[in-house]
Amino acid sequence: MIVKDVMKKLSLQKGERLLDVGCGSGVLLSELVRKAEIVGMGMDFSEKEIEIARDCFPDVPFQTGSVEGIPFPDQSFDKVLCYGVLLYVENWKPGLHELLRICKDGGMILLGDLPSIRHRSKLYWEYFKRIPRAIFRWDILKNMFSYREATPWYWMDLECMVRYIESLGYQAEILRQPNGHHQYGGVTGNYRLDIVVTKGTP
């Protein structure tokens, strides 16, 4: 479902060069390369994840790097994917500028899986509803607590991000996750959104 959604939002075309920033173990990128027939490359700050990606998908190039300092020349890629990354960065602007820098004029960038601060109450309500059935279920309580501890991400003002991107001379649009996609058992799927940036010539 995510693969098809990314292909559609980025309008991926056969032979295009795509960089997956924050590729992790490379699963999503490998599927995009296979189904969209693109030339994909993955980058992640974690050396361990890159080792796993190289072992699992030897035909796809991977390397380490940070979203705030992407090790590629200007306008190196037709499309750029940054899925589930910026929510872990306290200041997203340097990373955004790097993504814009490496994307070709006329290209597109997908900033995926961003937790919208304007939908924050939905998370609290979802957890509140779970309390009665979780009182005597240690497995549910354990998952709830580990979820909160394992994901120290930042709430993001997506409308503010769009305004900033537009102030740079580019188009940006907030889009929902695909219908039927529920992350973490449906708790967060209602408020983690995407921003698609179209990089014309500013």
N, C-alpha and C. Protein backbone atom coordinates (compact mmCIF):
# COMPACT_ATOMS: atom_id res chain seq x y z
N MET A 1 0.82 -1.21 0.00
CA MET A 1 0.00 0.00 0.00
C MET A 1 0.86 1.27 0.00
N ILE A 2 1.90 1.29 0.84
CA ILE A 2 2.80 2.45 0.90
C ILE A 2 3.57 2.59 -0.41
N VAL A 3 4.02 1.47 -0.96
CA VAL A 3 4.76 1.51 -2.23
C VAL A 3 3.92 2.15 -3.33
N LYS A 4 2.69 1.69 -3.47
CA LYS A 4 1.81 2.25 -4.48
C LYS A 4 1.53 3.73 -4.23
N ASP A 5 1.37 4.09 -2.97
CA ASP A 5 1.09 5.48 -2.62
C ASP A 5 2.28 6.38 -2.96
N VAL A 6 3.48 5.94 -2.64
CA VAL A 6 4.68 6.72 -2.95
C VAL A 6 4.86 6.86 -4.46
N MET A 7 4.65 5.78 -5.19
CA MET A 7 4.76 5.83 -6.65
C MET A 7 3.81 6.86 -7.24
N LYS A 8 2.58 6.89 -6.71
CA LYS A 8 1.58 7.82 -7.23
C LYS A 8 1.91 9.26 -6.85
N LYS A 9 2.26 9.50 -5.60
CA LYS A 9 2.51 10.86 -5.14
C LYS A 9 3.74 11.48 -5.80
N LEU A 10 4.75 10.65 -6.09
CA LEU A 10 5.96 11.16 -6.74
C LEU A 10 5.89 11.04 -8.26
N SER A 11 4.81 10.47 -8.77
CA SER A 11 4.67 10.26 -10.22
C SER A 11 5.93 9.61 -10.80
N LEU A 12 6.35 8.52 -10.17
CA LEU A 12 7.59 7.88 -10.57
C LEU A 12 7.49 7.32 -11.99
N GLN A 13 8.53 7.60 -12.78
CA GLN A 13 8.59 7.15 -14.15
C GLN A 13 9.80 6.24 -14.34
N LYS A 14 9.68 5.29 -15.24
CA LYS A 14 10.75 4.34 -15.51
C LYS A 14 12.05 5.07 -15.84
N GLY A 15 13.13 4.66 -15.19
CA GLY A 15 14.44 5.21 -15.48
C GLY A 15 14.82 6.44 -14.67
N GLU A 16 13.88 6.99 -13.90
CA GLU A 16 14.20 8.17 -13.10
C GLU A 16 15.14 7.81 -11.95
N ARG A 17 15.96 8.79 -11.57
CA ARG A 17 16.87 8.62 -10.43
C ARG A 17 16.19 9.10 -9.16
N LEU A 18 16.13 8.22 -8.14
CA LEU A 18 15.49 8.55 -6.88
C LEU A 18 16.44 8.28 -5.73
N LEU A 19 16.52 9.23 -4.80
CA LEU A 19 17.28 9.02 -3.57
C LEU A 19 16.30 8.86 -2.42
N ASP A 20 16.45 7.78 -1.68
CA ASP A 20 15.65 7.53 -0.48
C ASP A 20 16.48 7.95 0.72
N VAL A 21 16.16 9.12 1.27
CA VAL A 21 16.89 9.66 2.42
C VAL A 21 16.26 9.11 3.70
N GLY A 22 17.06 8.37 4.45
CA GLY A 22 16.52 7.68 5.63
C GLY A 22 15.92 6.35 5.22
N CYS A 23 16.64 5.62 4.39
CA CYS A 23 16.11 4.39 3.78
C CYS A 23 16.02 3.23 4.75
N GLY A 24 16.69 3.33 5.91
CA GLY A 24 16.67 2.21 6.84
C GLY A 24 17.26 0.96 6.21
N SER A 25 16.59 -0.16 6.35
CA SER A 25 17.09 -1.42 5.81
C SER A 25 16.84 -1.59 4.32
N GLY A 26 16.23 -0.59 3.68
CA GLY A 26 16.09 -0.60 2.23
C GLY A 26 14.88 -1.31 1.67
N VAL A 27 13.97 -1.75 2.51
CA VAL A 27 12.82 -2.53 2.04
C VAL A 27 11.94 -1.71 1.11
N LEU A 28 11.55 -0.50 1.53
CA LEU A 28 10.69 0.34 0.70
C LEU A 28 11.37 0.70 -0.62
N LEU A 29 12.63 1.09 -0.56
CA LEU A 29 13.35 1.48 -1.78
C LEU A 29 13.45 0.31 -2.75
N SER A 30 13.76 -0.88 -2.23
CA SER A 30 13.91 -2.04 -3.12
C SER A 30 12.61 -2.33 -3.86
N GLU A 31 11.47 -2.16 -3.19
CA GLU A 31 10.19 -2.38 -3.84
C GLU A 31 9.90 -1.31 -4.89
N LEU A 32 10.28 -0.07 -4.60
CA LEU A 32 10.10 1.01 -5.58
C LEU A 32 10.95 0.77 -6.82
N VAL A 33 12.18 0.32 -6.60
CA VAL A 33 13.07 0.02 -7.73
C VAL A 33 12.48 -1.09 -8.59
N ARG A 34 11.93 -2.10 -7.95
CA ARG A 34 11.39 -3.25 -8.68
C ARG A 34 10.10 -2.91 -9.41
N LYS A 35 9.18 -2.23 -8.74
CA LYS A 35 7.87 -2.01 -9.32
C LYS A 35 7.82 -0.80 -10.26
N ALA A 36 8.57 0.25 -9.95
CA ALA A 36 8.54 1.45 -10.79
C ALA A 36 9.66 1.46 -11.82
N GLU A 37 10.57 0.50 -11.71
CA GLU A 37 11.72 0.40 -12.64
C GLU A 37 12.53 1.70 -12.67
N ILE A 38 12.82 2.21 -11.50
CA ILE A 38 13.61 3.41 -11.37
C ILE A 38 15.05 3.06 -11.02
N VAL A 39 15.91 4.06 -11.05
CA VAL A 39 17.29 3.90 -10.59
C VAL A 39 17.34 4.46 -9.18
N GLY A 40 17.33 3.60 -8.21
CA GLY A 40 17.23 4.03 -6.83
C GLY A 40 18.54 3.98 -6.08
N MET A 41 18.68 4.88 -5.12
CA MET A 41 19.84 4.88 -4.23
C MET A 41 19.35 5.20 -2.83
N GLY A 42 19.92 4.53 -1.83
CA GLY A 42 19.49 4.73 -0.46
C GLY A 42 20.56 5.35 0.41
N MET A 43 20.13 6.14 1.38
CA MET A 43 21.05 6.78 2.32
C MET A 43 20.43 6.77 3.70
N ASP A 44 21.24 6.48 4.71
CA ASP A 44 20.75 6.48 6.08
C ASP A 44 21.92 6.83 7.00
N PHE A 45 21.62 7.45 8.14
CA PHE A 45 22.68 7.84 9.08
C PHE A 45 23.22 6.63 9.84
N SER A 46 22.44 5.55 9.88
CA SER A 46 22.82 4.37 10.65
C SER A 46 23.67 3.41 9.82
N GLU A 47 24.92 3.21 10.25
CA GLU A 47 25.79 2.27 9.54
C GLU A 47 25.25 0.85 9.62
N LYS A 48 24.62 0.52 10.74
CA LYS A 48 24.06 -0.82 10.89
C LYS A 48 22.94 -1.07 9.89
N GLU A 49 22.05 -0.08 9.73
CA GLU A 49 20.96 -0.23 8.77
C GLU A 49 21.49 -0.34 7.34
N ILE A 50 22.52 0.43 7.03
CA ILE A 50 23.10 0.38 5.69
C ILE A 50 23.75 -0.98 5.43
N GLU A 51 24.38 -1.56 6.44
CA GLU A 51 24.95 -2.90 6.29
C GLU A 51 23.85 -3.92 5.99
N ILE A 52 22.74 -3.81 6.71
CA ILE A 52 21.62 -4.71 6.47
C ILE A 52 21.08 -4.53 5.05
N ALA A 53 20.92 -3.27 4.63
CA ALA A 53 20.40 -2.98 3.29
C ALA A 53 21.32 -3.55 2.21
N ARG A 54 22.60 -3.38 2.38
CA ARG A 54 23.55 -3.90 1.38
C ARG A 54 23.51 -5.41 1.30
N ASP A 55 23.37 -6.07 2.46
CA ASP A 55 23.30 -7.53 2.48
C ASP A 55 22.01 -8.04 1.83
N CYS A 56 20.90 -7.35 2.12
CA CYS A 56 19.60 -7.81 1.63
C CYS A 56 19.34 -7.44 0.17
N PHE A 57 19.86 -6.29 -0.25
CA PHE A 57 19.58 -5.80 -1.61
C PHE A 57 20.87 -5.36 -2.28
N PRO A 58 21.71 -6.33 -2.67
CA PRO A 58 23.03 -6.02 -3.24
C PRO A 58 22.99 -5.28 -4.57
N ASP A 59 21.87 -5.29 -5.25
CA ASP A 59 21.78 -4.62 -6.55
C ASP A 59 21.44 -3.14 -6.42
N VAL A 60 21.13 -2.68 -5.21
CA VAL A 60 20.79 -1.27 -4.98
C VAL A 60 21.93 -0.62 -4.19
N PRO A 61 22.45 0.53 -4.65
CA PRO A 61 23.53 1.18 -3.91
C PRO A 61 23.03 1.90 -2.67
N PHE A 62 23.77 1.76 -1.58
CA PHE A 62 23.45 2.41 -0.32
C PHE A 62 24.70 3.05 0.25
N GLN A 63 24.50 4.13 1.00
CA GLN A 63 25.61 4.74 1.71
C GLN A 63 25.11 5.51 2.92
N THR A 64 26.02 5.77 3.85
CA THR A 64 25.66 6.51 5.04
C THR A 64 25.69 8.01 4.77
N GLY A 65 24.87 8.73 5.53
CA GLY A 65 24.82 10.18 5.39
C GLY A 65 23.68 10.75 6.22
N SER A 66 23.73 12.05 6.45
CA SER A 66 22.74 12.74 7.26
C SER A 66 21.87 13.62 6.39
N VAL A 67 20.59 13.77 6.76
CA VAL A 67 19.69 14.62 6.00
C VAL A 67 20.16 16.07 6.03
N GLU A 68 20.89 16.46 7.08
CA GLU A 68 21.38 17.84 7.16
C GLU A 68 22.64 18.06 6.33
N GLY A 69 23.25 16.98 5.83
CA GLY A 69 24.45 17.09 5.01
C GLY A 69 24.51 15.95 4.02
N ILE A 70 23.66 15.99 3.01
CA ILE A 70 23.55 14.89 2.04
C ILE A 70 24.76 14.91 1.10
N PRO A 71 25.50 13.80 1.00
CA PRO A 71 26.76 13.77 0.26
C PRO A 71 26.61 13.57 -1.25
N PHE A 72 25.81 14.43 -1.89
CA PHE A 72 25.64 14.37 -3.34
C PHE A 72 25.64 15.78 -3.90
N PRO A 73 26.06 15.93 -5.16
CA PRO A 73 26.08 17.27 -5.78
C PRO A 73 24.67 17.82 -5.99
N ASP A 74 24.59 19.11 -6.27
CA ASP A 74 23.31 19.76 -6.55
C ASP A 74 22.61 19.07 -7.71
N GLN A 75 21.29 19.00 -7.61
CA GLN A 75 20.42 18.49 -8.68
C GLN A 75 20.87 17.12 -9.21
N SER A 76 21.10 16.21 -8.27
CA SER A 76 21.56 14.86 -8.64
C SER A 76 20.43 13.89 -8.93
N PHE A 77 19.21 14.20 -8.46
CA PHE A 77 18.13 13.22 -8.53
C PHE A 77 16.85 13.84 -9.09
N ASP A 78 16.11 13.01 -9.86
CA ASP A 78 14.81 13.45 -10.39
C ASP A 78 13.77 13.54 -9.30
N LYS A 79 13.80 12.56 -8.40
CA LYS A 79 12.83 12.49 -7.31
C LYS A 79 13.57 12.17 -6.01
N VAL A 80 13.03 12.66 -4.91
CA VAL A 80 13.64 12.42 -3.60
C VAL A 80 12.55 11.97 -2.64
N LEU A 81 12.83 10.91 -1.91
CA LEU A 81 11.92 10.40 -0.90
C LEU A 81 12.56 10.57 0.47
N CYS A 82 11.81 11.15 1.39
CA CYS A 82 12.29 11.33 2.78
C CYS A 82 11.13 10.91 3.67
N TYR A 83 11.04 9.63 3.97
CA TYR A 83 9.86 9.06 4.61
C TYR A 83 10.17 8.71 6.06
N GLY A 84 9.42 9.33 6.98
CA GLY A 84 9.60 9.03 8.39
C GLY A 84 10.95 9.47 8.93
N VAL A 85 11.43 10.64 8.50
CA VAL A 85 12.76 11.12 8.89
C VAL A 85 12.69 12.46 9.61
N LEU A 86 12.05 13.44 9.01
CA LEU A 86 12.08 14.80 9.55
C LEU A 86 11.41 14.90 10.92
N LEU A 87 10.54 13.99 11.25
CA LEU A 87 9.89 14.01 12.56
C LEU A 87 10.87 13.73 13.70
N TYR A 88 12.06 13.21 13.38
CA TYR A 88 13.07 12.96 14.39
C TYR A 88 14.11 14.08 14.46
N VAL A 89 13.94 15.11 13.64
CA VAL A 89 14.91 16.21 13.58
C VAL A 89 14.29 17.45 14.22
N GLU A 90 14.95 18.00 15.21
CA GLU A 90 14.38 19.13 15.94
C GLU A 90 14.19 20.35 15.04
N ASN A 91 15.16 20.64 14.18
CA ASN A 91 15.07 21.74 13.23
C ASN A 91 15.04 21.16 11.82
N TRP A 92 13.87 21.18 11.19
CA TRP A 92 13.71 20.53 9.90
C TRP A 92 14.19 21.37 8.72
N LYS A 93 14.43 22.65 8.90
CA LYS A 93 14.77 23.52 7.77
C LYS A 93 16.10 23.16 7.09
N PRO A 94 17.20 22.92 7.83
CA PRO A 94 18.44 22.53 7.14
C PRO A 94 18.27 21.27 6.30
N GLY A 95 17.54 20.29 6.83
CA GLY A 95 17.30 19.07 6.06
C GLY A 95 16.48 19.34 4.81
N LEU A 96 15.46 20.18 4.95
CA LEU A 96 14.64 20.54 3.79
C LEU A 96 15.47 21.19 2.70
N HIS A 97 16.34 22.10 3.08
CA HIS A 97 17.19 22.78 2.09
C HIS A 97 18.13 21.80 1.39
N GLU A 98 18.61 20.80 2.12
CA GLU A 98 19.45 19.79 1.49
C GLU A 98 18.64 18.96 0.48
N LEU A 99 17.42 18.60 0.85
CA LEU A 99 16.57 17.84 -0.07
C LEU A 99 16.28 18.64 -1.33
N LEU A 100 16.01 19.92 -1.17
CA LEU A 100 15.78 20.79 -2.33
C LEU A 100 17.03 20.93 -3.18
N ARG A 101 18.17 20.98 -2.55
CA ARG A 101 19.44 21.18 -3.27
C ARG A 101 19.75 20.01 -4.19
N ILE A 102 19.54 18.78 -3.72
CA ILE A 102 19.92 17.62 -4.52
C ILE A 102 18.86 17.23 -5.54
N CYS A 103 17.66 17.82 -5.44
CA CYS A 103 16.57 17.51 -6.38
C CYS A 103 16.67 18.40 -7.61
N LYS A 104 16.50 17.83 -8.77
CA LYS A 104 16.57 18.58 -10.01
C LYS A 104 15.41 19.56 -10.12
N ASP A 105 15.63 20.66 -10.83
CA ASP A 105 14.52 21.56 -11.14
C ASP A 105 13.48 20.79 -11.94
N GLY A 106 12.23 20.93 -11.56
CA GLY A 106 11.17 20.17 -12.19
C GLY A 106 10.92 18.83 -11.52
N GLY A 107 11.73 18.50 -10.52
CA GLY A 107 11.58 17.25 -9.81
C GLY A 107 10.59 17.36 -8.66
N MET A 108 10.49 16.29 -7.89
CA MET A 108 9.54 16.24 -6.78
C MET A 108 10.18 15.61 -5.56
N ILE A 109 9.70 16.05 -4.40
CA ILE A 109 10.17 15.53 -3.12
C ILE A 109 8.96 15.11 -2.29
N LEU A 110 9.01 13.93 -1.71
CA LEU A 110 7.95 13.48 -0.82
C LEU A 110 8.49 13.45 0.60
N LEU A 111 7.94 14.34 1.43
CA LEU A 111 8.23 14.36 2.86
C LEU A 111 7.14 13.53 3.53
N GLY A 112 7.45 12.30 3.83
CA GLY A 112 6.42 11.37 4.24
C GLY A 112 6.33 11.12 5.72
N ASP A 113 5.11 10.80 6.17
CA ASP A 113 4.85 10.32 7.52
C ASP A 113 5.22 11.37 8.57
N LEU A 114 4.58 12.54 8.48
CA LEU A 114 4.85 13.64 9.39
C LEU A 114 3.70 13.78 10.39
N PRO A 115 3.98 13.77 11.69
CA PRO A 115 2.92 13.90 12.69
C PRO A 115 2.45 15.35 12.83
N SER A 116 1.22 15.60 12.44
CA SER A 116 0.68 16.96 12.45
C SER A 116 0.27 17.39 13.85
N ILE A 117 0.80 18.53 14.30
CA ILE A 117 0.50 19.02 15.63
C ILE A 117 -0.98 19.38 15.76
N ARG A 118 -1.64 19.68 14.64
CA ARG A 118 -3.05 20.05 14.68
C ARG A 118 -3.96 18.84 14.86
N HIS A 119 -3.38 17.65 14.77
CA HIS A 119 -4.15 16.43 14.99
C HIS A 119 -3.70 15.70 16.26
N ARG A 120 -2.95 16.41 17.10
CA ARG A 120 -2.37 15.78 18.28
C ARG A 120 -3.42 15.19 19.21
N SER A 121 -4.56 15.86 19.34
CA SER A 121 -5.59 15.38 20.26
C SER A 121 -6.10 13.99 19.88
N LYS A 122 -6.01 13.63 18.60
CA LYS A 122 -6.47 12.32 18.17
C LYS A 122 -5.66 11.21 18.83
N LEU A 123 -4.36 11.45 18.97
CA LEU A 123 -3.52 10.43 19.61
C LEU A 123 -3.94 10.23 21.06
N TYR A 124 -4.10 11.33 21.78
CA TYR A 124 -4.48 11.22 23.18
C TYR A 124 -5.83 10.53 23.33
N TRP A 125 -6.77 10.85 22.46
CA TRP A 125 -8.08 10.22 22.53
C TRP A 125 -7.98 8.72 22.24
N GLU A 126 -7.16 8.35 21.27
CA GLU A 126 -7.00 6.94 20.95
C GLU A 126 -6.43 6.17 22.14
N TYR A 127 -5.45 6.76 22.81
CA TYR A 127 -4.88 6.09 23.98
C TYR A 127 -5.88 6.06 25.14
N PHE A 128 -6.63 7.13 25.31
CA PHE A 128 -7.62 7.18 26.38
C PHE A 128 -8.65 6.06 26.21
N LYS A 129 -9.07 5.83 24.98
CA LYS A 129 -10.06 4.79 24.72
C LYS A 129 -9.51 3.40 25.02
N ARG A 130 -8.20 3.23 24.98
CA ARG A 130 -7.59 1.93 25.20
C ARG A 130 -7.42 1.59 26.68
N ILE A 131 -7.52 2.59 27.55
CA ILE A 131 -7.23 2.37 28.96
C ILE A 131 -8.09 1.27 29.59
N PRO A 132 -9.43 1.29 29.41
CA PRO A 132 -10.25 0.26 30.07
C PRO A 132 -9.86 -1.16 29.70
N ARG A 133 -9.60 -1.43 28.42
CA ARG A 133 -9.27 -2.80 28.04
C ARG A 133 -7.80 -3.14 28.26
N ALA A 134 -7.00 -2.13 28.61
CA ALA A 134 -5.58 -2.38 28.82
C ALA A 134 -5.23 -2.63 30.28
N ILE A 135 -6.16 -2.34 31.18
CA ILE A 135 -5.86 -2.43 32.61
C ILE A 135 -5.39 -3.83 33.00
N PHE A 136 -6.02 -4.86 32.45
CA PHE A 136 -5.66 -6.23 32.82
C PHE A 136 -4.92 -6.95 31.69
N ARG A 137 -4.38 -6.18 30.74
CA ARG A 137 -3.66 -6.77 29.62
C ARG A 137 -2.24 -6.22 29.58
N TRP A 138 -1.30 -6.96 30.17
CA TRP A 138 0.08 -6.49 30.23
C TRP A 138 0.68 -6.34 28.84
N ASP A 139 0.29 -7.21 27.89
CA ASP A 139 0.86 -7.12 26.55
C ASP A 139 0.49 -5.80 25.89
N ILE A 140 -0.74 -5.30 26.11
CA ILE A 140 -1.15 -4.02 25.54
C ILE A 140 -0.42 -2.87 26.24
N LEU A 141 -0.37 -2.93 27.57
CA LEU A 141 0.31 -1.87 28.32
C LEU A 141 1.79 -1.80 27.93
N LYS A 142 2.42 -2.95 27.79
CA LYS A 142 3.83 -2.98 27.44
C LYS A 142 4.07 -2.32 26.09
N ASN A 143 3.21 -2.61 25.11
CA ASN A 143 3.35 -2.01 23.79
C ASN A 143 3.12 -0.51 23.84
N MET A 144 2.16 -0.07 24.64
CA MET A 144 1.89 1.35 24.74
C MET A 144 3.07 2.10 25.31
N PHE A 145 3.66 1.54 26.38
CA PHE A 145 4.78 2.23 27.01
C PHE A 145 6.02 2.18 26.13
N SER A 146 6.27 1.05 25.49
CA SER A 146 7.46 0.94 24.64
C SER A 146 7.31 1.84 23.42
N TYR A 147 6.09 1.99 22.94
CA TYR A 147 5.85 2.88 21.80
C TYR A 147 6.24 4.32 22.15
N ARG A 148 5.82 4.77 23.32
CA ARG A 148 6.10 6.14 23.73
C ARG A 148 7.60 6.35 23.95
N GLU A 149 8.29 5.35 24.50
CA GLU A 149 9.71 5.51 24.78
C GLU A 149 10.57 5.36 23.54
N ALA A 150 10.13 4.57 22.59
CA ALA A 150 10.99 4.24 21.45
C ALA A 150 10.88 5.25 20.32
N THR A 151 9.92 6.16 20.36
CA THR A 151 9.74 7.08 19.24
C THR A 151 9.73 8.52 19.72
N PRO A 152 10.88 9.08 20.05
CA PRO A 152 10.93 10.48 20.53
C PRO A 152 10.86 11.46 19.38
N TRP A 153 9.70 11.50 18.70
CA TRP A 153 9.61 12.39 17.55
C TRP A 153 8.97 13.72 17.91
N TYR A 154 9.08 14.65 16.98
CA TYR A 154 8.59 16.02 17.20
C TYR A 154 7.27 16.22 16.46
N TRP A 155 6.32 16.88 17.12
CA TRP A 155 5.10 17.30 16.44
C TRP A 155 5.46 18.39 15.44
N MET A 156 4.80 18.39 14.28
CA MET A 156 5.17 19.32 13.22
C MET A 156 3.97 20.13 12.76
N ASP A 157 4.19 21.42 12.55
CA ASP A 157 3.15 22.30 12.01
C ASP A 157 3.26 22.25 10.49
N LEU A 158 2.47 21.38 9.88
CA LEU A 158 2.60 21.14 8.45
C LEU A 158 2.20 22.35 7.62
N GLU A 159 1.20 23.09 8.09
CA GLU A 159 0.80 24.30 7.37
C GLU A 159 1.93 25.32 7.36
N CYS A 160 2.64 25.42 8.47
CA CYS A 160 3.80 26.31 8.55
C CYS A 160 4.89 25.86 7.59
N MET A 161 5.10 24.56 7.49
CA MET A 161 6.10 24.02 6.57
C MET A 161 5.75 24.35 5.13
N VAL A 162 4.47 24.20 4.80
CA VAL A 162 4.03 24.50 3.43
C VAL A 162 4.25 25.97 3.11
N ARG A 163 3.90 26.84 4.03
CA ARG A 163 4.11 28.27 3.81
C ARG A 163 5.59 28.59 3.61
N TYR A 164 6.44 27.93 4.38
CA TYR A 164 7.88 28.18 4.24
C TYR A 164 8.38 27.70 2.88
N ILE A 165 7.96 26.53 2.46
CA ILE A 165 8.36 26.00 1.16
C ILE A 165 7.89 26.91 0.04
N GLU A 166 6.66 27.39 0.15
CA GLU A 166 6.12 28.29 -0.88
C GLU A 166 6.86 29.62 -0.88
N SER A 167 7.35 30.06 0.28
CA SER A 167 8.11 31.31 0.33
C SER A 167 9.44 31.18 -0.42
N LEU A 168 9.91 29.94 -0.60
CA LEU A 168 11.13 29.70 -1.36
C LEU A 168 10.87 29.63 -2.86
N GLY A 169 9.60 29.65 -3.23
CA GLY A 169 9.23 29.64 -4.65
C GLY A 169 8.81 28.30 -5.19
N TYR A 170 8.55 27.33 -4.30
CA TYR A 170 8.16 26.00 -4.74
C TYR A 170 6.72 25.70 -4.34
N GLN A 171 6.13 24.71 -4.98
CA GLN A 171 4.77 24.28 -4.66
C GLN A 171 4.81 23.17 -3.62
N ALA A 172 3.87 23.19 -2.70
CA ALA A 172 3.80 22.15 -1.68
C ALA A 172 2.34 21.86 -1.35
N GLU A 173 2.06 20.60 -1.10
CA GLU A 173 0.69 20.18 -0.82
C GLU A 173 0.69 19.12 0.28
N ILE A 174 -0.22 19.26 1.23
CA ILE A 174 -0.38 18.27 2.29
C ILE A 174 -1.35 17.19 1.81
N LEU A 175 -0.93 15.93 1.92
CA LEU A 175 -1.75 14.81 1.48
C LEU A 175 -1.88 13.79 2.59
N ARG A 176 -2.99 13.08 2.59
CA ARG A 176 -3.25 12.07 3.60
C ARG A 176 -2.52 10.77 3.25
N GLN A 177 -2.34 9.94 4.27
CA GLN A 177 -1.84 8.60 4.04
C GLN A 177 -2.90 7.82 3.27
N PRO A 178 -2.52 6.74 2.60
CA PRO A 178 -3.50 5.99 1.80
C PRO A 178 -4.62 5.41 2.66
N ASN A 179 -5.81 5.36 2.10
CA ASN A 179 -6.96 4.80 2.81
C ASN A 179 -6.69 3.35 3.19
N GLY A 180 -7.01 3.02 4.42
CA GLY A 180 -6.81 1.65 4.89
C GLY A 180 -5.46 1.40 5.51
N HIS A 181 -4.58 2.41 5.47
CA HIS A 181 -3.25 2.24 6.05
C HIS A 181 -3.29 2.69 7.51
N HIS A 182 -2.98 1.77 8.41
CA HIS A 182 -3.02 2.09 9.84
C HIS A 182 -1.71 1.69 10.49
N GLN A 183 -0.94 2.68 10.87
CA GLN A 183 0.32 2.40 11.54
C GLN A 183 0.08 2.10 13.01
N TYR A 184 0.90 1.22 13.54
CA TYR A 184 0.85 0.89 14.95
C TYR A 184 -0.57 0.52 15.39
N GLY A 185 -1.21 -0.34 14.64
CA GLY A 185 -2.52 -0.82 15.02
C GLY A 185 -3.62 0.21 14.92
N GLY A 186 -3.43 1.25 14.13
CA GLY A 186 -4.46 2.24 13.91
C GLY A 186 -4.40 3.44 14.83
N VAL A 187 -3.44 3.46 15.77
CA VAL A 187 -3.39 4.55 16.73
C VAL A 187 -2.96 5.86 16.08
N THR A 188 -1.98 5.80 15.19
CA THR A 188 -1.41 7.05 14.65
C THR A 188 -1.78 7.32 13.20
N GLY A 189 -2.48 6.41 12.57
CA GLY A 189 -2.72 6.55 11.14
C GLY A 189 -3.56 7.74 10.74
N ASN A 190 -4.29 8.35 11.70
CA ASN A 190 -5.18 9.45 11.35
C ASN A 190 -4.51 10.81 11.28
N TYR A 191 -3.32 10.91 11.80
CA TYR A 191 -2.74 12.25 11.84
C TYR A 191 -1.31 12.33 11.33
N ARG A 192 -0.74 11.25 10.85
CA ARG A 192 0.58 11.31 10.22
C ARG A 192 0.35 11.51 8.74
N LEU A 193 0.78 12.65 8.22
CA LEU A 193 0.46 13.08 6.87
C LEU A 193 1.72 13.22 6.03
N ASP A 194 1.55 13.51 4.75
CA ASP A 194 2.66 13.70 3.81
C ASP A 194 2.62 15.11 3.23
N ILE A 195 3.79 15.60 2.83
CA ILE A 195 3.89 16.83 2.05
C ILE A 195 4.63 16.51 0.76
N VAL A 196 4.03 16.85 -0.37
CA VAL A 196 4.67 16.68 -1.67
C VAL A 196 5.12 18.04 -2.17
N VAL A 197 6.41 18.14 -2.48
CA VAL A 197 7.00 19.39 -2.97
C VAL A 197 7.33 19.23 -4.45
N THR A 198 6.87 20.19 -5.24
CA THR A 198 7.22 20.22 -6.66
C THR A 198 8.24 21.34 -6.85
N LYS A 199 9.42 20.94 -7.32
CA LYS A 199 10.51 21.90 -7.42
C LYS A 199 10.59 22.47 -8.83
N GLY A 200 9.86 23.56 -9.03
CA GLY A 200 10.05 24.30 -10.27
C GLY A 200 11.28 25.16 -10.13
N THR A 201 11.46 26.10 -11.03
CA THR A 201 12.60 27.03 -10.94
C THR A 201 12.16 28.25 -10.18
N PRO A 202 12.73 28.49 -8.97
CA PRO A 202 12.28 29.63 -8.16
C PRO A 202 12.69 30.96 -8.77
